[in-house]
Amino acid sequence: MSLEAKVAWVTGGGSGIGLAGATELARAGCRVVISGREAPKLDAAIEAAERLGAPLGAITAQPLDVADAAAVAAVVRTIEAELGRIDILVNSAGINFPKRYWCETDASTFEQVVAVNLNGATYCTLAVAKGMRARREGTVINVASFAGWHYEYLTGPAYTASKAALMALTHSFNIEECVNGLRATALCPGEVATPILKKRPVEPTEAEKARMLQEADLGRTIRFIAEMPPHVCINELVISPVWNRTYVAGEALQRKAAP
């Protein structure tokens, strides 16, 4: 499917997977709006995307905290007023914290992770769904995680639970909205060399990062999903590095003992 003149909205678009997806969608012909909490970071992201081949002016920004449902609705109204519609939603906003394990996390931290990773994606999907239904076409790409598909120790309970729930959210969307011509994909990447790795209890080495998926890999994957013909739904897409540290024991997988 040609993406020429389609409108895409990418949350978490200031860096990492979101920015890579926004860049590829713009290169495919989309008008793209990126959102994130820091306006200066979004401006820098647009410049980076243009250096990577996004057409000048194809990407614009709308600062947003996706955990704020009222703010999400306001941004969608602004995008639809300016660009007419939203054809593609990429829910890429996500967070995690260094203190993530049961022996050290707390209720407030858990709440913050779920507020962004799960609730934020829900608010954004709710906000765009009405317009998509009216046009009987629309694509939602939820950046879940390998950790939501194959439970593991490394990511901690809040992140794991939020990403597993995001996968369930994706399937429930397809169950209900398939009759309206809408589709959603749970994109489940293994480790990707993005800035969020700095929030790890043990940051991977540069050699380890080089073996991981790279941002551009996920950008191309997001574009691949969006370019599928409208009658095709990719319910889940699991992608991982060949050297998968989930399967290979190492320092990052060592158990953290309770203090």
Protein backbone atom coordinates (compact mmCIF):
# COMPACT_ATOMS: atom_id res chain seq x y z
CA MET A 1 0.00 0.00 0.00
CA SER A 2 1.34 3.41 -0.92
CA LEU A 3 1.78 5.71 2.08
CA GLU A 4 1.91 8.82 -0.07
CA ALA A 5 0.00 11.66 1.67
CA LYS A 6 -1.05 9.42 4.58
CA VAL A 7 -0.91 11.02 8.02
CA ALA A 8 1.05 9.24 10.75
CA TRP A 9 1.28 10.13 14.44
CA VAL A 10 4.23 8.69 16.37
CA THR A 11 4.44 8.95 20.14
CA GLY A 12 7.84 8.60 21.74
CA GLY A 13 9.07 10.15 18.51
CA GLY A 14 11.92 12.12 20.01
CA SER A 15 14.42 9.27 19.89
CA GLY A 16 14.93 5.54 19.47
CA ILE A 17 12.34 3.34 17.83
CA GLY A 18 9.78 6.13 17.54
CA LEU A 19 12.15 8.45 15.69
CA ALA A 20 13.33 5.64 13.42
CA GLY A 21 9.73 4.80 12.57
CA ALA A 22 8.85 8.44 11.94
CA THR A 23 11.85 8.81 9.63
CA GLU A 24 10.93 5.78 7.54
CA LEU A 25 7.26 6.74 7.33
CA ALA A 26 8.23 10.23 6.15
CA ARG A 27 10.58 8.73 3.56
CA ALA A 28 7.63 6.60 2.38
CA GLY A 29 5.55 9.74 1.74
CA CYS A 30 3.66 10.22 4.99
CA ARG A 31 3.07 13.49 6.71
CA VAL A 32 4.29 12.64 10.21
CA VAL A 33 3.65 14.20 13.60
CA ILE A 34 5.95 13.17 16.43
CA SER A 35 5.11 13.58 20.10
CA GLY A 36 7.16 13.44 23.28
CA ARG A 37 7.40 15.30 26.54
CA GLU A 38 10.34 17.59 25.64
CA ALA A 39 9.84 20.14 22.85
CA PRO A 40 13.57 20.83 22.29
CA LYS A 41 14.20 17.08 21.95
CA LEU A 42 11.49 16.89 19.28
CA ASP A 43 13.06 19.76 17.33
CA ALA A 44 16.41 17.96 17.40
CA ALA A 45 14.69 14.74 16.33
CA ILE A 46 13.20 16.41 13.25
CA GLU A 47 16.64 17.67 12.26
CA ALA A 48 18.07 14.17 12.74
CA ALA A 49 15.31 12.62 10.63
CA GLU A 50 15.92 15.08 7.82
CA ARG A 51 19.62 14.25 7.85
CA LEU A 52 18.59 10.61 7.41
CA GLY A 53 16.48 11.36 4.35
CA ALA A 54 13.09 12.49 5.62
CA PRO A 55 11.81 15.21 3.27
CA LEU A 56 12.07 18.75 4.61
CA GLY A 57 8.83 19.71 6.35
CA ALA A 58 7.40 16.18 6.28
CA ILE A 59 7.73 15.81 10.06
CA THR A 60 6.27 18.23 12.59
CA ALA A 61 6.00 18.04 16.36
CA GLN A 62 3.31 18.14 19.05
CA PRO A 63 4.75 17.98 22.59
CA LEU A 64 2.75 15.62 24.80
CA ASP A 65 2.74 13.48 27.91
CA VAL A 66 0.74 10.46 26.77
CA ALA A 67 -0.21 9.68 30.39
CA ASP A 68 -2.44 12.79 30.33
CA ALA A 69 -5.69 11.68 28.66
CA ALA A 70 -7.02 15.23 28.23
CA ALA A 71 -3.77 16.37 26.62
CA VAL A 72 -3.85 13.37 24.26
CA ALA A 73 -7.35 14.27 23.10
CA ALA A 74 -6.31 17.90 22.57
CA VAL A 75 -3.31 16.91 20.43
CA VAL A 76 -5.44 14.64 18.27
CA ARG A 77 -7.92 17.47 17.71
CA THR A 78 -5.04 19.72 16.66
CA ILE A 79 -3.57 17.16 14.24
CA GLU A 80 -6.94 16.42 12.67
CA ALA A 81 -7.68 20.15 12.32
CA GLU A 82 -4.32 20.80 10.63
CA LEU A 83 -3.86 17.63 8.56
CA GLY A 84 -7.42 16.32 8.23
CA ARG A 85 -7.05 12.88 9.74
CA ILE A 86 -4.73 10.30 11.32
CA ASP A 87 -4.25 7.16 9.23
CA ILE A 88 -1.42 5.53 11.18
CA LEU A 89 -0.77 5.60 14.92
CA VAL A 90 2.54 4.33 16.27
CA ASN A 91 2.42 3.97 20.06
CA SER A 92 6.14 4.02 20.82
CA ALA A 93 6.25 6.02 24.05
CA GLY A 94 7.68 3.84 26.80
CA ILE A 95 9.67 4.04 30.03
CA ASN A 96 11.38 1.87 32.59
CA PHE A 97 13.50 2.57 35.66
CA PRO A 98 16.79 1.22 37.02
CA LYS A 99 15.11 0.18 40.28
CA ARG A 100 12.72 -2.24 38.65
CA TYR A 101 12.81 -5.55 40.52
CA TRP A 102 10.34 -6.74 43.16
CA CYS A 103 12.96 -6.34 45.89
CA GLU A 104 13.46 -2.63 45.22
CA THR A 105 10.55 -1.15 43.25
CA ASP A 106 7.46 0.49 44.73
CA ALA A 107 3.85 1.33 43.91
CA SER A 108 4.66 4.80 42.56
CA THR A 109 7.26 3.47 40.13
CA PHE A 110 4.94 0.71 38.94
CA GLU A 111 2.18 3.27 38.39
CA GLN A 112 4.44 5.52 36.29
CA VAL A 113 5.48 2.69 34.00
CA VAL A 114 1.92 1.50 33.42
CA ALA A 115 0.70 5.08 32.95
CA VAL A 116 2.97 5.59 29.95
CA ASN A 117 3.45 2.12 28.48
CA LEU A 118 -0.14 0.90 28.68
CA ASN A 119 -2.52 3.72 29.60
CA GLY A 120 -0.83 6.18 27.25
CA ALA A 121 -1.19 3.81 24.30
CA THR A 122 -4.83 3.27 25.25
CA TYR A 123 -5.58 7.00 25.41
CA CYS A 124 -3.96 7.59 22.02
CA THR A 125 -5.81 4.70 20.39
CA LEU A 126 -9.14 5.82 21.82
CA ALA A 127 -8.52 9.32 20.50
CA VAL A 128 -7.82 8.26 16.89
CA ALA A 129 -10.26 5.34 16.60
CA LYS A 130 -13.38 7.40 15.92
CA GLY A 131 -11.89 9.04 12.85
CA MET A 132 -10.47 5.75 11.60
CA ARG A 133 -13.87 4.09 11.94
CA ALA A 134 -15.51 6.86 9.97
CA ARG A 135 -13.07 6.28 7.09
CA ARG A 136 -13.16 2.49 7.60
CA GLU A 137 -9.38 2.30 7.44
CA GLY A 138 -6.59 2.75 9.93
CA THR A 139 -3.43 1.16 11.29
CA VAL A 140 -2.27 1.08 14.90
CA ILE A 141 1.25 -0.14 15.64
CA ASN A 142 1.89 -0.80 19.31
CA VAL A 143 5.57 -1.08 20.19
CA ALA A 144 5.34 -3.83 22.78
CA SER A 145 8.40 -5.92 23.62
CA PHE A 146 9.97 -9.34 23.40
CA ALA A 147 9.58 -9.19 27.20
CA GLY A 148 5.81 -9.09 26.82
CA TRP A 149 5.87 -12.10 24.49
CA HIS A 150 8.53 -14.19 26.27
CA TYR A 151 8.61 -13.39 29.97
CA GLU A 152 12.07 -12.70 31.33
CA TYR A 153 13.94 -11.40 34.35
CA LEU A 154 15.79 -8.45 32.84
CA THR A 155 12.94 -5.94 32.48
CA GLY A 156 11.22 -6.20 35.89
CA PRO A 157 7.53 -6.67 36.75
CA ALA A 158 6.11 -3.26 35.78
CA TYR A 159 7.61 -3.19 32.29
CA THR A 160 6.89 -6.87 31.63
CA ALA A 161 3.28 -6.56 32.77
CA SER A 162 2.67 -3.35 30.83
CA LYS A 163 4.06 -4.78 27.59
CA ALA A 164 2.17 -8.06 27.96
CA ALA A 165 -0.99 -6.03 28.57
CA LEU A 166 -0.21 -3.94 25.47
CA MET A 167 -0.20 -7.14 23.45
CA ALA A 168 -3.62 -8.04 24.87
CA LEU A 169 -4.82 -4.53 24.06
CA THR A 170 -3.72 -5.04 20.46
CA HIS A 171 -5.61 -8.31 20.10
CA SER A 172 -8.76 -6.85 21.66
CA PHE A 173 -8.62 -4.00 19.16
CA ASN A 174 -8.46 -6.46 16.26
CA ILE A 175 -11.25 -8.59 17.72
CA GLU A 176 -13.62 -5.61 17.83
CA GLU A 177 -12.44 -3.30 15.07
CA CYS A 178 -11.72 -5.76 12.25
CA VAL A 179 -15.33 -5.39 11.11
CA ASN A 180 -14.70 -1.66 10.74
CA GLY A 181 -11.66 -2.11 8.51
CA LEU A 182 -9.14 -1.28 11.24
CA ARG A 183 -6.06 -3.24 12.24
CA ALA A 184 -3.42 -3.25 14.94
CA THR A 185 -0.02 -4.88 15.33
CA ALA A 186 1.86 -5.74 18.50
CA LEU A 187 5.47 -5.18 17.50
CA CYS A 188 7.66 -7.15 19.90
CA PRO A 189 11.35 -6.32 19.54
CA GLY A 190 14.13 -7.92 21.47
CA GLU A 191 16.95 -5.71 22.69
CA VAL A 192 17.43 -2.58 20.58
CA ALA A 193 20.39 -0.24 20.91
CA THR A 194 18.44 2.88 21.93
CA PRO A 195 18.92 5.57 24.63
CA ILE A 196 16.60 3.71 27.04
CA LEU A 197 19.48 1.28 27.68
CA LYS A 198 21.04 3.97 29.86
CA LYS A 199 18.21 3.32 32.33
CA ARG A 200 19.29 -0.29 32.78
CA PRO A 201 20.68 -1.36 36.17
CA VAL A 202 23.70 -2.54 34.15
CA GLU A 203 24.13 -0.64 30.89
CA PRO A 204 25.25 -2.95 28.07
CA THR A 205 28.74 -2.48 26.67
CA GLU A 206 29.28 -1.00 23.21
CA ALA A 207 30.19 -4.47 21.95
CA GLU A 208 26.90 -5.85 23.29
CA LYS A 209 24.95 -2.96 21.73
CA ALA A 210 26.53 -3.67 18.36
CA ARG A 211 25.02 -7.17 18.45
CA MET A 212 21.53 -5.87 19.24
CA LEU A 213 18.84 -4.74 16.87
CA GLN A 214 19.50 -1.20 15.69
CA GLU A 215 17.06 1.69 15.52
CA ALA A 216 16.99 1.58 11.73
CA ASP A 217 15.94 -2.10 11.83
CA LEU A 218 12.81 -1.12 13.72
CA GLY A 219 12.17 1.85 11.47
CA ARG A 220 12.07 -0.43 8.45
CA THR A 221 9.85 -2.89 10.33
CA ILE A 222 7.32 -0.18 11.21
CA ARG A 223 7.24 0.92 7.58
CA PHE A 224 6.79 -2.70 6.46
CA ILE A 225 3.74 -3.09 8.71
CA ALA A 226 2.21 0.19 7.57
CA GLU A 227 2.71 -0.64 3.89
CA MET A 228 0.79 -3.91 4.06
CA PRO A 229 -2.40 -3.82 1.92
CA PRO A 230 -5.49 -2.69 3.88
CA HIS A 231 -6.93 -6.23 3.94
CA VAL A 232 -3.81 -7.57 5.75
CA CYS A 233 -3.43 -7.53 9.52
CA ILE A 234 -0.14 -8.50 11.17
CA ASN A 235 -1.42 -9.30 14.64
CA GLU A 236 2.03 -9.83 16.17
CA LEU A 237 5.51 -9.34 14.81
CA VAL A 238 8.36 -10.66 16.95
CA ILE A 239 11.86 -9.55 15.98
CA SER A 240 15.09 -10.13 17.88
CA PRO A 241 18.83 -10.03 17.42
CA VAL A 242 20.47 -13.27 16.40
CA TRP A 243 22.66 -13.01 19.54
CA ASN A 244 19.74 -12.85 21.95
CA ARG A 245 20.84 -12.10 25.51
CA THR A 246 17.52 -13.43 26.79
CA TYR A 247 18.82 -16.84 25.73
CA VAL A 248 22.50 -16.27 26.54
CA ALA A 249 23.47 -15.95 30.20
CA GLY A 250 25.44 -12.87 31.17
CA GLU A 251 25.96 -10.25 33.86
CA ALA A 252 22.75 -8.41 32.99
CA LEU A 253 20.72 -11.55 33.65
CA GLN A 254 22.17 -12.32 37.05
CA ARG A 255 19.59 -12.27 39.81
CA LYS A 256 19.45 -9.26 42.08
CA ALA A 257 19.35 -10.37 45.70
CA ALA A 258 17.11 -8.60 48.19
CA PRO A 259 18.99 -6.07 50.36
